[in-house]
Amino acid sequence: MKNRFPKHYALYTLLAAVLIIGASIIASFQKMTKDPARAFLDGLSEEQREKVQHSFNHLDRESWHFFPVAMLPRGGVSLKSLNRNQRSLLDELLKHYLSETGYDKTSRIMNLESVLAELEQNPSFRDPELYHVNFFGLPEDDAWSWTFEGHHISLNFTNVNGAIAMVPRFLGANPAEVPSGPFKGERVLAKEEDLAFALLYALNPEQRKKAVFQTHSYYDLATSTSSEVGPLRPVGISYKDLNAKQQKMLMGILQEYLNTMPKVLAQKRLNQIKNEGLDDIHFGWAGATEMGENHYYRIQGKTFLVEFDNSQGNANHVHTVWRDFDGDFGRDLIREHYEHHHKH
């Protein structure tokens, strides 16, 4: 019997080639669209995954700090332990969860470690690669979180059924203004400071008396690194006691803090604040009213607290934080999830 296969050999070859190319395209597309958290985890070695992955109920999930790693060791994996590809995957993860502004500030804060290493002549203590990543739960879970933390950075991302909480959110800068060297004049958190001073100076004498609730500054954040905070005693001047221009300036400060988040999340949080009512938001100032001297301010609303402190290092060392009274570490999202789950 005559073999007919050779007649169709070219056709079979073409079909095989198309299938191979198609599979390659699909694989490439899946790689491109892969969740950045899953992509990062998949890029780690087995030993690294054992270090970075923890249960969602792990006690460290609601613990955060901003001290240098040399002072307070972190778990997880550090930048120093990642290869080039793994660093690239972490970079994509940070870009996904932060806005362009947030990513830029985070990167510049890390670079300040090199400035401090030069100023203090202590490179082992001031290492820009000593920032750590930890996961609590997995991206496939209904509830999971991950953190990026080191000196002057604590970013906490909690994911619950697609909703994301980005609190507590701490960023600091030392030096607040670089005094010398190639980065002289660099001020990573300049807007957070300058916008608040602008509002303070826009107040009339009577308003300023209300706003400045004490003449001495705090040495640090009033809430420190507490895992959970409630509303502080209302101090300062309320939103309703500001004129329209001043109110806009106050909202501009809040917007600067929200700008760290992706635009959609930032707008959602701002809408929530507006829906709660703006009248009871308070802007309180403590300490000197001139740049270069120790000063502190806070903005408190019904559900949130913003703190800014520049009282260390001769008023050249800034700490900032955003706290949500009910939403830190996604507590509100987790509660809603379990209430819904229980009902069903």
C-alpha atoms as a PDB file:
ATOM      1  CA  MET A   1       0.000   0.000   0.000  1.00  0.00           C
ATOM      2  CA  LYS A   2       1.247   3.404  -0.952  1.00  0.00           C
ATOM      3  CA  ASN A   3       2.163   5.627   2.014  1.00  0.00           C
ATOM      4  CA  ARG A   4       0.085   8.833   1.757  1.00  0.00           C
ATOM      5  CA  PHE A   5       1.728  10.597   4.727  1.00  0.00           C
ATOM      6  CA  PRO A   6       4.399  12.411   2.720  1.00  0.00           C
ATOM      7  CA  LYS A   7       1.625  14.231   0.843  1.00  0.00           C
ATOM      8  CA  HIS A   8       0.512  15.985   3.985  1.00  0.00           C
ATOM      9  CA  TYR A   9       3.880  16.254   5.685  1.00  0.00           C
ATOM     10  CA  ALA A  10       4.205  19.979   4.970  1.00  0.00           C
ATOM     11  CA  LEU A  11       0.704  20.620   6.316  1.00  0.00           C
ATOM     12  CA  TYR A  12       1.401  18.677   9.534  1.00  0.00           C
ATOM     13  CA  THR A  13       4.686  20.511   9.966  1.00  0.00           C
ATOM     14  CA  LEU A  14       2.952  23.863   9.537  1.00  0.00           C
ATOM     15  CA  LEU A  15       0.224  22.936  12.060  1.00  0.00           C
ATOM     16  CA  ALA A  16       2.839  21.805  14.579  1.00  0.00           C
ATOM     17  CA  ALA A  17       4.742  25.044  14.160  1.00  0.00           C
ATOM     18  CA  VAL A  18       1.550  27.088  14.646  1.00  0.00           C
ATOM     19  CA  LEU A  19       0.711  25.156  17.828  1.00  0.00           C
ATOM     20  CA  ILE A  20       4.212  25.673  19.217  1.00  0.00           C
ATOM     21  CA  ILE A  21       4.171  29.383  18.432  1.00  0.00           C
ATOM     22  CA  GLY A  22       0.670  29.709  19.876  1.00  0.00           C
ATOM     23  CA  ALA A  23       1.705  27.994  23.087  1.00  0.00           C
ATOM     24  CA  SER A  24       4.729  30.265  23.320  1.00  0.00           C
ATOM     25  CA  ILE A  25       2.580  33.373  22.855  1.00  0.00           C
ATOM     26  CA  ILE A  26       0.100  32.186  25.504  1.00  0.00           C
ATOM     27  CA  ALA A  27       2.924  31.444  27.939  1.00  0.00           C
ATOM     28  CA  SER A  28       4.458  34.854  27.314  1.00  0.00           C
ATOM     29  CA  PHE A  29       1.086  36.563  27.795  1.00  0.00           C
ATOM     30  CA  GLN A  30       0.500  34.663  31.032  1.00  0.00           C
ATOM     31  CA  LYS A  31       3.925  35.710  32.235  1.00  0.00           C
ATOM     32  CA  MET A  32       3.207  39.334  31.377  1.00  0.00           C
ATOM     33  CA  THR A  33      -0.192  39.299  33.085  1.00  0.00           C
ATOM     34  CA  LYS A  34       0.847  37.211  36.079  1.00  0.00           C
ATOM     35  CA  ASP A  35      -0.007  38.694  39.445  1.00  0.00           C
ATOM     36  CA  PRO A  36       3.188  40.493  40.568  1.00  0.00           C
ATOM     37  CA  ALA A  37       2.966  39.025  44.078  1.00  0.00           C
ATOM     38  CA  ARG A  38       2.720  35.480  42.715  1.00  0.00           C
ATOM     39  CA  ALA A  39       5.466  36.226  40.183  1.00  0.00           C
ATOM     40  CA  PHE A  40       7.789  37.403  42.968  1.00  0.00           C
ATOM     41  CA  LEU A  41       7.108  34.354  45.122  1.00  0.00           C
ATOM     42  CA  ASP A  42       7.576  32.003  42.162  1.00  0.00           C
ATOM     43  CA  GLY A  43      10.927  33.648  41.459  1.00  0.00           C
ATOM     44  CA  LEU A  44      12.303  32.778  44.892  1.00  0.00           C
ATOM     45  CA  SER A  45      14.228  29.646  45.771  1.00  0.00           C
ATOM     46  CA  GLU A  46      12.646  27.101  48.093  1.00  0.00           C
ATOM     47  CA  GLU A  47      14.880  28.301  50.940  1.00  0.00           C
ATOM     48  CA  GLN A  48      13.879  31.928  50.349  1.00  0.00           C
ATOM     49  CA  ARG A  49      10.167  31.053  50.229  1.00  0.00           C
ATOM     50  CA  GLU A  50      10.466  29.317  53.588  1.00  0.00           C
ATOM     51  CA  LYS A  51      11.825  32.562  55.035  1.00  0.00           C
ATOM     52  CA  VAL A  52       9.336  34.898  53.413  1.00  0.00           C
ATOM     53  CA  GLN A  53       6.052  32.981  53.743  1.00  0.00           C
ATOM     54  CA  HIS A  54       4.114  33.005  57.014  1.00  0.00           C
ATOM     55  CA  SER A  55       0.560  32.184  57.993  1.00  0.00           C
ATOM     56  CA  PHE A  56      -1.972  35.005  57.825  1.00  0.00           C
ATOM     57  CA  ASN A  57      -2.518  34.689  61.581  1.00  0.00           C
ATOM     58  CA  HIS A  58       1.183  35.069  62.381  1.00  0.00           C
ATOM     59  CA  LEU A  59       1.767  37.528  65.240  1.00  0.00           C
ATOM     60  CA  ASP A  60       4.248  39.549  63.188  1.00  0.00           C
ATOM     61  CA  ARG A  61       1.556  40.505  60.671  1.00  0.00           C
ATOM     62  CA  GLU A  62       0.374  43.322  62.938  1.00  0.00           C
ATOM     63  CA  SER A  63       3.833  44.357  64.069  1.00  0.00           C
ATOM     64  CA  TRP A  64       5.702  47.152  62.328  1.00  0.00           C
ATOM     65  CA  HIS A  65       8.844  49.230  62.849  1.00  0.00           C
ATOM     66  CA  PHE A  66      10.958  51.798  61.062  1.00  0.00           C
ATOM     67  CA  PHE A  67      14.299  51.360  62.846  1.00  0.00           C
ATOM     68  CA  PRO A  68      17.434  50.306  60.942  1.00  0.00           C
ATOM     69  CA  VAL A  69      17.640  46.549  60.480  1.00  0.00           C
ATOM     70  CA  ALA A  70      21.021  46.588  62.255  1.00  0.00           C
ATOM     71  CA  MET A  71      19.141  47.792  65.354  1.00  0.00           C
ATOM     72  CA  LEU A  72      16.015  45.679  64.931  1.00  0.00           C
ATOM     73  CA  PRO A  73      16.378  42.558  62.747  1.00  0.00           C
ATOM     74  CA  ARG A  74      13.521  41.686  60.371  1.00  0.00           C
ATOM     75  CA  GLY A  75      12.288  38.352  59.114  1.00  0.00           C
ATOM     76  CA  GLY A  76      11.686  37.498  55.478  1.00  0.00           C
ATOM     77  CA  VAL A  77      14.175  38.149  52.704  1.00  0.00           C
ATOM     78  CA  SER A  78      16.256  41.271  52.200  1.00  0.00           C
ATOM     79  CA  LEU A  79      17.214  43.086  49.028  1.00  0.00           C
ATOM     80  CA  LYS A  80      20.779  41.971  49.688  1.00  0.00           C
ATOM     81  CA  SER A  81      19.744  38.310  49.393  1.00  0.00           C
ATOM     82  CA  LEU A  82      17.971  38.716  46.030  1.00  0.00           C
ATOM     83  CA  ASN A  83      19.537  38.179  42.624  1.00  0.00           C
ATOM     84  CA  ARG A  84      19.008  40.576  39.729  1.00  0.00           C
ATOM     85  CA  ASN A  85      15.874  38.859  38.407  1.00  0.00           C
ATOM     86  CA  GLN A  86      14.329  38.632  41.880  1.00  0.00           C
ATOM     87  CA  ARG A  87      15.000  42.314  42.486  1.00  0.00           C
ATOM     88  CA  SER A  88      13.309  43.120  39.210  1.00  0.00           C
ATOM     89  CA  LEU A  89      10.252  41.128  40.273  1.00  0.00           C
ATOM     90  CA  LEU A  90      10.179  42.941  43.634  1.00  0.00           C
ATOM     91  CA  ASP A  91      10.481  46.227  41.789  1.00  0.00           C
ATOM     92  CA  GLU A  92       7.398  45.362  39.725  1.00  0.00           C
ATOM     93  CA  LEU A  93       5.542  44.377  42.883  1.00  0.00           C
ATOM     94  CA  LEU A  94       6.280  47.731  44.532  1.00  0.00           C
ATOM     95  CA  LYS A  95       5.311  49.636  41.376  1.00  0.00           C
ATOM     96  CA  HIS A  96       2.028  47.734  41.256  1.00  0.00           C
ATOM     97  CA  TYR A  97       1.079  48.555  44.844  1.00  0.00           C
ATOM     98  CA  LEU A  98       2.399  52.130  44.960  1.00  0.00           C
ATOM     99  CA  SER A  99       1.748  55.177  42.830  1.00  0.00           C
ATOM    100  CA  GLU A 100       4.597  56.679  40.843  1.00  0.00           C
ATOM    101  CA  THR A 101       4.956  59.264  43.625  1.00  0.00           C
ATOM    102  CA  GLY A 102       4.967  56.562  46.306  1.00  0.00           C
ATOM    103  CA  TYR A 103       7.539  54.477  44.475  1.00  0.00           C
ATOM    104  CA  ASP A 104       9.743  57.535  43.941  1.00  0.00           C
ATOM    105  CA  LYS A 105       9.645  58.537  47.613  1.00  0.00           C
ATOM    106  CA  THR A 106      10.334  54.972  48.724  1.00  0.00           C
ATOM    107  CA  SER A 107      13.350  54.701  46.421  1.00  0.00           C
ATOM    108  CA  ARG A 108      14.744  58.066  47.513  1.00  0.00           C
ATOM    109  CA  ILE A 109      14.352  57.210  51.205  1.00  0.00           C
ATOM    110  CA  MET A 110      16.333  54.031  50.633  1.00  0.00           C
ATOM    111  CA  ASN A 111      19.023  56.034  48.847  1.00  0.00           C
ATOM    112  CA  LEU A 112      19.381  58.232  51.945  1.00  0.00           C
ATOM    113  CA  GLU A 113      21.036  55.256  53.646  1.00  0.00           C
ATOM    114  CA  SER A 114      24.012  55.802  51.336  1.00  0.00           C
ATOM    115  CA  VAL A 115      24.057  59.482  52.326  1.00  0.00           C
ATOM    116  CA  LEU A 116      24.045  58.535  56.022  1.00  0.00           C
ATOM    117  CA  ALA A 117      26.766  55.946  55.424  1.00  0.00           C
ATOM    118  CA  GLU A 118      28.965  58.711  54.015  1.00  0.00           C
ATOM    119  CA  LEU A 119      28.090  61.280  56.691  1.00  0.00           C
ATOM    120  CA  GLU A 120      28.535  58.828  59.579  1.00  0.00           C
ATOM    121  CA  GLN A 121      31.306  56.723  58.033  1.00  0.00           C
ATOM    122  CA  ASN A 122      29.398  53.584  58.999  1.00  0.00           C
ATOM    123  CA  PRO A 123      28.446  51.705  55.806  1.00  0.00           C
ATOM    124  CA  SER A 124      27.635  48.403  57.531  1.00  0.00           C
ATOM    125  CA  PHE A 125      25.011  50.085  59.724  1.00  0.00           C
ATOM    126  CA  ARG A 126      23.603  52.258  56.938  1.00  0.00           C
ATOM    127  CA  ASP A 127      22.997  49.779  54.152  1.00  0.00           C
ATOM    128  CA  PRO A 128      20.438  50.607  51.408  1.00  0.00           C
ATOM    129  CA  GLU A 129      20.040  46.873  50.726  1.00  0.00           C
ATOM    130  CA  LEU A 130      18.721  46.089  54.213  1.00  0.00           C
ATOM    131  CA  TYR A 131      15.023  46.305  53.369  1.00  0.00           C
ATOM    132  CA  HIS A 132      12.935  43.192  53.921  1.00  0.00           C
ATOM    133  CA  VAL A 133       9.876  41.576  52.354  1.00  0.00           C
ATOM    134  CA  ASN A 134       7.426  39.317  54.194  1.00  0.00           C
ATOM    135  CA  PHE A 135       4.234  37.546  53.103  1.00  0.00           C
ATOM    136  CA  PHE A 136       1.389  36.487  55.377  1.00  0.00           C
ATOM    137  CA  GLY A 137      -0.827  34.079  53.524  1.00  0.00           C
ATOM    138  CA  LEU A 138      -0.681  33.625  49.760  1.00  0.00           C
ATOM    139  CA  PRO A 139      -1.999  35.729  46.831  1.00  0.00           C
ATOM    140  CA  GLU A 140      -4.522  32.965  46.057  1.00  0.00           C
ATOM    141  CA  ASP A 141      -6.109  33.266  49.520  1.00  0.00           C
ATOM    142  CA  ASP A 142      -9.217  35.323  50.306  1.00  0.00           C
ATOM    143  CA  ALA A 143      -7.152  37.278  52.840  1.00  0.00           C
ATOM    144  CA  TRP A 144      -3.394  37.783  52.676  1.00  0.00           C
ATOM    145  CA  SER A 145      -0.850  40.542  53.139  1.00  0.00           C
ATOM    146  CA  TRP A 146       2.712  41.517  52.431  1.00  0.00           C
ATOM    147  CA  THR A 147       5.108  44.085  53.853  1.00  0.00           C
ATOM    148  CA  PHE A 148       8.152  46.030  52.743  1.00  0.00           C
ATOM    149  CA  GLU A 149      10.134  47.405  55.632  1.00  0.00           C
ATOM    150  CA  GLY A 150      13.462  48.803  56.753  1.00  0.00           C
ATOM    151  CA  HIS A 151      14.926  52.058  58.015  1.00  0.00           C
ATOM    152  CA  HIS A 152      12.306  54.817  57.639  1.00  0.00           C
ATOM    153  CA  ILE A 153       9.961  52.656  55.558  1.00  0.00           C
ATOM    154  CA  SER A 154       7.073  50.477  56.689  1.00  0.00           C
ATOM    155  CA  LEU A 155       4.569  49.630  53.972  1.00  0.00           C
ATOM    156  CA  ASN A 156       1.803  47.213  54.903  1.00  0.00           C
ATOM    157  CA  PHE A 157      -0.550  45.887  52.216  1.00  0.00           C
ATOM    158  CA  THR A 158      -3.548  43.774  53.221  1.00  0.00           C
ATOM    159  CA  ASN A 159      -5.656  42.140  50.485  1.00  0.00           C
ATOM    160  CA  VAL A 160      -9.143  40.831  51.261  1.00  0.00           C
ATOM    161  CA  ASN A 161     -11.253  39.594  48.351  1.00  0.00           C
ATOM    162  CA  GLY A 162      -9.642  42.108  46.013  1.00  0.00           C
ATOM    163  CA  ALA A 163      -9.941  45.082  48.391  1.00  0.00           C
ATOM    164  CA  ILE A 164      -6.626  46.574  49.555  1.00  0.00           C
ATOM    165  CA  ALA A 165      -5.684  48.366  52.777  1.00  0.00           C
ATOM    166  CA  MET A 166      -2.368  50.258  52.780  1.00  0.00           C
ATOM    167  CA  VAL A 167      -2.062  51.073  56.458  1.00  0.00           C
ATOM    168  CA  PRO A 168      -0.128  51.644  58.618  1.00  0.00           C
ATOM    169  CA  ARG A 169       1.945  53.612  56.118  1.00  0.00           C
ATOM    170  CA  PHE A 170       5.189  55.100  57.442  1.00  0.00           C
ATOM    171  CA  LEU A 171       7.806  57.109  55.552  1.00  0.00           C
ATOM    172  CA  GLY A 172      10.711  58.993  57.110  1.00  0.00           C
ATOM    173  CA  ALA A 173      13.747  60.923  55.960  1.00  0.00           C
ATOM    174  CA  ASN A 174      17.143  61.361  57.584  1.00  0.00           C
ATOM    175  CA  PRO A 175      18.530  63.783  56.770  1.00  0.00           C
ATOM    176  CA  ALA A 176      15.332  65.643  55.978  1.00  0.00           C
ATOM    177  CA  GLU A 177      17.522  67.963  53.910  1.00  0.00           C
ATOM    178  CA  VAL A 178      20.864  66.598  52.754  1.00  0.00           C
ATOM    179  CA  PRO A 179      23.506  69.065  54.008  1.00  0.00           C
ATOM    180  CA  SER A 180      26.391  68.234  51.691  1.00  0.00           C
ATOM    181  CA  GLY A 181      27.705  66.003  48.956  1.00  0.00           C
ATOM    182  CA  PRO A 182      26.272  65.205  45.504  1.00  0.00           C
ATOM    183  CA  PHE A 183      22.704  65.158  46.881  1.00  0.00           C
ATOM    184  CA  LYS A 184      23.003  68.445  48.768  1.00  0.00           C
ATOM    185  CA  GLY A 185      19.595  70.091  49.182  1.00  0.00           C
ATOM    186  CA  GLU A 186      17.628  66.865  48.561  1.00  0.00           C
ATOM    187  CA  ARG A 187      14.364  66.856  50.578  1.00  0.00           C
ATOM    188  CA  VAL A 188      12.432  63.636  50.050  1.00  0.00           C
ATOM    189  CA  LEU A 189       9.425  64.627  52.182  1.00  0.00           C
ATOM    190  CA  ALA A 190       9.485  68.345  51.397  1.00  0.00           C
ATOM    191  CA  LYS A 191       5.830  68.674  50.402  1.00  0.00           C
ATOM    192  CA  GLU A 192       4.547  67.109  53.613  1.00  0.00           C
ATOM    193  CA  GLU A 193       6.436  69.820  55.515  1.00  0.00           C
ATOM    194  CA  ASP A 194       6.072  72.811  53.211  1.00  0.00           C
ATOM    195  CA  LEU A 195       2.322  72.462  52.656  1.00  0.00           C
ATOM    196  CA  ALA A 196       1.733  72.337  56.421  1.00  0.00           C
ATOM    197  CA  PHE A 197       3.864  75.436  57.034  1.00  0.00           C
ATOM    198  CA  ALA A 198       1.962  77.207  54.259  1.00  0.00           C
ATOM    199  CA  LEU A 199      -1.341  76.465  55.988  1.00  0.00           C
ATOM    200  CA  LEU A 200       0.037  77.563  59.358  1.00  0.00           C
ATOM    201  CA  TYR A 201       1.180  80.878  57.860  1.00  0.00           C
ATOM    202  CA  ALA A 202      -2.194  81.348  56.139  1.00  0.00           C
ATOM    203  CA  LEU A 203      -3.986  81.375  59.508  1.00  0.00           C
ATOM    204  CA  ASN A 204      -4.834  84.670  61.156  1.00  0.00           C
ATOM    205  CA  PRO A 205      -3.610  85.266  64.762  1.00  0.00           C
ATOM    206  CA  GLU A 206      -6.828  83.979  66.332  1.00  0.00           C
ATOM    207  CA  GLN A 207      -6.844  80.854  64.173  1.00  0.00           C
ATOM    208  CA  ARG A 208      -3.167  80.188  64.887  1.00  0.00           C
ATOM    209  CA  LYS A 209      -3.853  80.290  68.627  1.00  0.00           C
ATOM    210  CA  LYS A 210      -6.302  77.445  68.086  1.00  0.00           C
ATOM    211  CA  ALA A 211      -4.017  75.512  65.760  1.00  0.00           C
ATOM    212  CA  VAL A 212      -0.886  75.598  67.965  1.00  0.00           C
ATOM    213  CA  PHE A 213      -1.925  73.389  70.875  1.00  0.00           C
ATOM    214  CA  GLN A 214       1.467  73.353  72.617  1.00  0.00           C
ATOM    215  CA  THR A 215       4.705  75.307  72.306  1.00  0.00           C
ATOM    216  CA  HIS A 216       7.053  72.329  72.607  1.00  0.00           C
ATOM    217  CA  SER A 217       7.290  69.660  69.948  1.00  0.00           C
ATOM    218  CA  TYR A 218       7.044  65.909  70.342  1.00  0.00           C
ATOM    219  CA  TYR A 219      10.330  64.051  70.143  1.00  0.00           C
ATOM    220  CA  ASP A 220       8.681  61.514  67.854  1.00  0.00           C
ATOM    221  CA  LEU A 221       5.274  60.341  66.677  1.00  0.00           C
ATOM    222  CA  ALA A 222       2.707  60.370  69.474  1.00  0.00           C
ATOM    223  CA  THR A 223       1.411  56.936  68.451  1.00  0.00           C
ATOM    224  CA  SER A 224       4.904  55.448  68.039  1.00  0.00           C
ATOM    225  CA  THR A 225       4.743  51.978  66.426  1.00  0.00           C
ATOM    226  CA  SER A 226       1.616  50.755  68.200  1.00  0.00           C
ATOM    227  CA  SER A 227      -0.106  47.963  66.319  1.00  0.00           C
ATOM    228  CA  GLU A 228      -3.491  49.561  66.951  1.00  0.00           C
ATOM    229  CA  VAL A 229      -4.446  53.169  67.684  1.00  0.00           C
ATOM    230  CA  GLY A 230      -7.662  54.974  68.504  1.00  0.00           C
ATOM    231  CA  PRO A 231      -8.553  58.643  68.110  1.00  0.00           C
ATOM    232  CA  LEU A 232      -6.354  61.012  70.093  1.00  0.00           C
ATOM    233  CA  ARG A 233      -7.740  63.961  72.006  1.00  0.00           C
ATOM    234  CA  PRO A 234      -8.876  66.470  69.341  1.00  0.00           C
ATOM    235  CA  VAL A 235      -6.428  69.358  69.243  1.00  0.00           C
ATOM    236  CA  GLY A 236      -5.859  72.335  66.988  1.00  0.00           C
ATOM    237  CA  ILE A 237      -8.251  74.058  64.650  1.00  0.00           C
ATOM    238  CA  SER A 238     -11.180  72.332  62.967  1.00  0.00           C
ATOM    239  CA  TYR A 239     -11.940  72.307  59.266  1.00  0.00           C
ATOM    240  CA  LYS A 240     -15.172  74.245  59.850  1.00  0.00           C
ATOM    241  CA  ASP A 241     -13.183  77.109  61.430  1.00  0.00           C
ATOM    242  CA  LEU A 242     -11.093  77.582  58.285  1.00  0.00           C
ATOM    243  CA  ASN A 243     -12.040  79.736  55.326  1.00  0.00           C
ATOM    244  CA  ALA A 244     -12.454  78.193  51.865  1.00  0.00           C
ATOM    245  CA  LYS A 245      -8.840  78.801  50.825  1.00  0.00           C
ATOM    246  CA  GLN A 246      -7.493  77.359  54.066  1.00  0.00           C
ATOM    247  CA  GLN A 247      -9.789  74.342  53.784  1.00  0.00           C
ATOM    248  CA  LYS A 248      -8.415  73.678  50.323  1.00  0.00           C
ATOM    249  CA  MET A 249      -4.881  73.888  51.717  1.00  0.00           C
ATOM    250  CA  LEU A 250      -5.701  71.377  54.453  1.00  0.00           C
ATOM    251  CA  MET A 251      -7.143  68.951  51.930  1.00  0.00           C
ATOM    252  CA  GLY A 252      -4.001  69.475  49.845  1.00  0.00           C
ATOM    253  CA  ILE A 253      -1.881  68.156  52.716  1.00  0.00           C
ATOM    254  CA  LEU A 254      -4.067  65.059  53.017  1.00  0.00           C
ATOM    255  CA  GLN A 255      -3.883  64.563  49.263  1.00  0.00           C
ATOM    256  CA  GLU A 256      -0.087  64.577  49.418  1.00  0.00           C
ATOM    257  CA  TYR A 257      -0.161  61.684  51.873  1.00  0.00           C
ATOM    258  CA  LEU A 258      -2.731  59.838  49.758  1.00  0.00           C
ATOM    259  CA  ASN A 259      -0.611  60.368  46.641  1.00  0.00           C
ATOM    260  CA  THR A 260       1.600  57.505  47.825  1.00  0.00           C
ATOM    261  CA  MET A 261      -1.233  55.144  46.887  1.00  0.00           C
ATOM    262  CA  PRO A 262      -2.360  54.210  43.369  1.00  0.00           C
ATOM    263  CA  LYS A 263      -4.825  56.806  42.074  1.00  0.00           C
ATOM    264  CA  VAL A 264      -7.931  54.608  42.330  1.00  0.00           C
ATOM    265  CA  LEU A 265      -7.225  53.655  45.954  1.00  0.00           C
ATOM    266  CA  ALA A 266      -6.323  57.228  46.894  1.00  0.00           C
ATOM    267  CA  GLN A 267      -9.554  58.590  45.411  1.00  0.00           C
ATOM    268  CA  LYS A 268     -11.594  55.910  47.159  1.00  0.00           C
ATOM    269  CA  ARG A 269     -10.056  56.781  50.544  1.00  0.00           C
ATOM    270  CA  LEU A 270     -10.575  60.508  49.928  1.00  0.00           C
ATOM    271  CA  ASN A 271     -14.226  59.910  49.044  1.00  0.00           C
ATOM    272  CA  GLN A 272     -14.670  57.966  52.276  1.00  0.00           C
ATOM    273  CA  ILE A 273     -13.228  60.868  54.256  1.00  0.00           C
ATOM    274  CA  LYS A 274     -15.541  63.333  52.521  1.00  0.00           C
ATOM    275  CA  ASN A 275     -18.560  61.112  53.142  1.00  0.00           C
ATOM    276  CA  GLU A 276     -17.715  60.969  56.838  1.00  0.00           C
ATOM    277  CA  GLY A 277     -17.926  64.754  56.974  1.00  0.00           C
ATOM    278  CA  LEU A 278     -15.026  67.190  56.932  1.00  0.00           C
ATOM    279  CA  ASP A 279     -16.086  69.617  59.671  1.00  0.00           C
ATOM    280  CA  ASP A 280     -14.574  67.609  62.517  1.00  0.00           C
ATOM    281  CA  ILE A 281     -11.148  67.171  60.917  1.00  0.00           C
ATOM    282  CA  HIS A 282      -8.573  68.941  63.116  1.00  0.00           C
ATOM    283  CA  PHE A 283      -5.179  70.393  62.208  1.00  0.00           C
ATOM    284  CA  GLY A 284      -2.969  70.674  65.272  1.00  0.00           C
ATOM    285  CA  TRP A 285       0.555  72.093  65.531  1.00  0.00           C
ATOM    286  CA  ALA A 286       3.145  71.667  68.281  1.00  0.00           C
ATOM    287  CA  GLY A 287       6.547  73.280  68.715  1.00  0.00           C
ATOM    288  CA  ALA A 288       8.308  75.993  66.725  1.00  0.00           C
ATOM    289  CA  THR A 289       6.583  77.819  63.910  1.00  0.00           C
ATOM    290  CA  GLU A 290       9.792  78.409  61.967  1.00  0.00           C
ATOM    291  CA  MET A 291      11.699  76.009  59.735  1.00  0.00           C
ATOM    292  CA  GLY A 292      14.901  74.703  61.239  1.00  0.00           C
ATOM    293  CA  GLU A 293      13.444  74.299  64.735  1.00  0.00           C
ATOM    294  CA  ASN A 294      11.666  71.316  66.252  1.00  0.00           C
ATOM    295  CA  HIS A 295       8.046  71.029  65.078  1.00  0.00           C
ATOM    296  CA  TYR A 296       5.217  68.534  64.812  1.00  0.00           C
ATOM    297  CA  TYR A 297       1.700  68.451  63.416  1.00  0.00           C
ATOM    298  CA  ARG A 298      -1.203  66.070  63.198  1.00  0.00           C
ATOM    299  CA  ILE A 299      -4.376  65.883  61.149  1.00  0.00           C
ATOM    300  CA  GLN A 300      -7.134  63.823  62.670  1.00  0.00           C
ATOM    301  CA  GLY A 301     -10.527  62.876  61.280  1.00  0.00           C
ATOM    302  CA  LYS A 302     -13.209  60.421  62.334  1.00  0.00           C
ATOM    303  CA  THR A 303     -11.385  57.390  60.978  1.00  0.00           C
ATOM    304  CA  PHE A 304      -7.776  58.444  60.392  1.00  0.00           C
ATOM    305  CA  LEU A 305      -4.720  60.130  61.841  1.00  0.00           C
ATOM    306  CA  VAL A 306      -1.767  61.710  60.072  1.00  0.00           C
ATOM    307  CA  GLU A 307       1.346  62.577  62.064  1.00  0.00           C
ATOM    308  CA  PHE A 308       4.441  64.505  61.019  1.00  0.00           C
ATOM    309  CA  ASP A 309       7.438  65.049  63.277  1.00  0.00           C
ATOM    310  CA  ASN A 310      10.707  66.868  62.650  1.00  0.00           C
ATOM    311  CA  SER A 311      12.270  67.083  66.092  1.00  0.00           C
ATOM    312  CA  GLN A 312      15.391  64.925  65.916  1.00  0.00           C
ATOM    313  CA  GLY A 313      18.807  65.678  64.455  1.00  0.00           C
ATOM    314  CA  ASN A 314      18.439  69.428  65.031  1.00  0.00           C
ATOM    315  CA  ALA A 315      15.101  69.432  63.229  1.00  0.00           C
ATOM    316  CA  ASN A 316      16.515  67.616  60.220  1.00  0.00           C
ATOM    317  CA  HIS A 317      14.996  64.176  60.692  1.00  0.00           C
ATOM    318  CA  VAL A 318      11.392  63.601  59.586  1.00  0.00           C
ATOM    319  CA  HIS A 319       8.915  60.873  60.527  1.00  0.00           C
ATOM    320  CA  THR A 320       5.447  60.632  58.951  1.00  0.00           C
ATOM    321  CA  VAL A 321       2.638  58.122  59.315  1.00  0.00           C
ATOM    322  CA  TRP A 322      -0.952  57.523  58.226  1.00  0.00           C
ATOM    323  CA  ARG A 323      -3.078  55.415  60.566  1.00  0.00           C
ATOM    324  CA  ASP A 324      -6.672  54.202  60.148  1.00  0.00           C
ATOM    325  CA  PHE A 325      -8.366  53.633  63.488  1.00  0.00           C
ATOM    326  CA  ASP A 326     -10.475  50.734  62.246  1.00  0.00           C
ATOM    327  CA  GLY A 327      -8.592  49.812  59.099  1.00  0.00           C
ATOM    328  CA  ASP A 328      -4.937  49.327  60.078  1.00  0.00           C
ATOM    329  CA  PHE A 329      -3.749  45.957  58.779  1.00  0.00           C
ATOM    330  CA  GLY A 330      -7.094  45.649  56.994  1.00  0.00           C
ATOM    331  CA  ARG A 331      -9.040  44.980  60.198  1.00  0.00           C
ATOM    332  CA  ASP A 332     -12.263  46.445  58.795  1.00  0.00           C
ATOM    333  CA  LEU A 333     -11.942  44.431  55.581  1.00  0.00           C
ATOM    334  CA  ILE A 334     -11.197  41.235  57.483  1.00  0.00           C
ATOM    335  CA  ARG A 335     -14.152  41.745  59.827  1.00  0.00           C
ATOM    336  CA  GLU A 336     -16.507  42.312  56.884  1.00  0.00           C
ATOM    337  CA  HIS A 337     -15.138  39.213  55.181  1.00  0.00           C
ATOM    338  CA  TYR A 338     -15.730  36.946  58.178  1.00  0.00           C
ATOM    339  CA  GLU A 339     -19.158  38.426  58.885  1.00  0.00           C
ATOM    340  CA  HIS A 340     -20.165  37.733  55.287  1.00  0.00           C
ATOM    341  CA  HIS A 341     -18.607  34.267  55.381  1.00  0.00           C
ATOM    342  CA  HIS A 342     -20.438  33.449  58.629  1.00  0.00           C
ATOM    343  CA  LYS A 343     -23.789  34.508  57.166  1.00  0.00           C
ATOM    344  CA  HIS A 344     -23.294  32.106  54.291  1.00  0.00           C
END
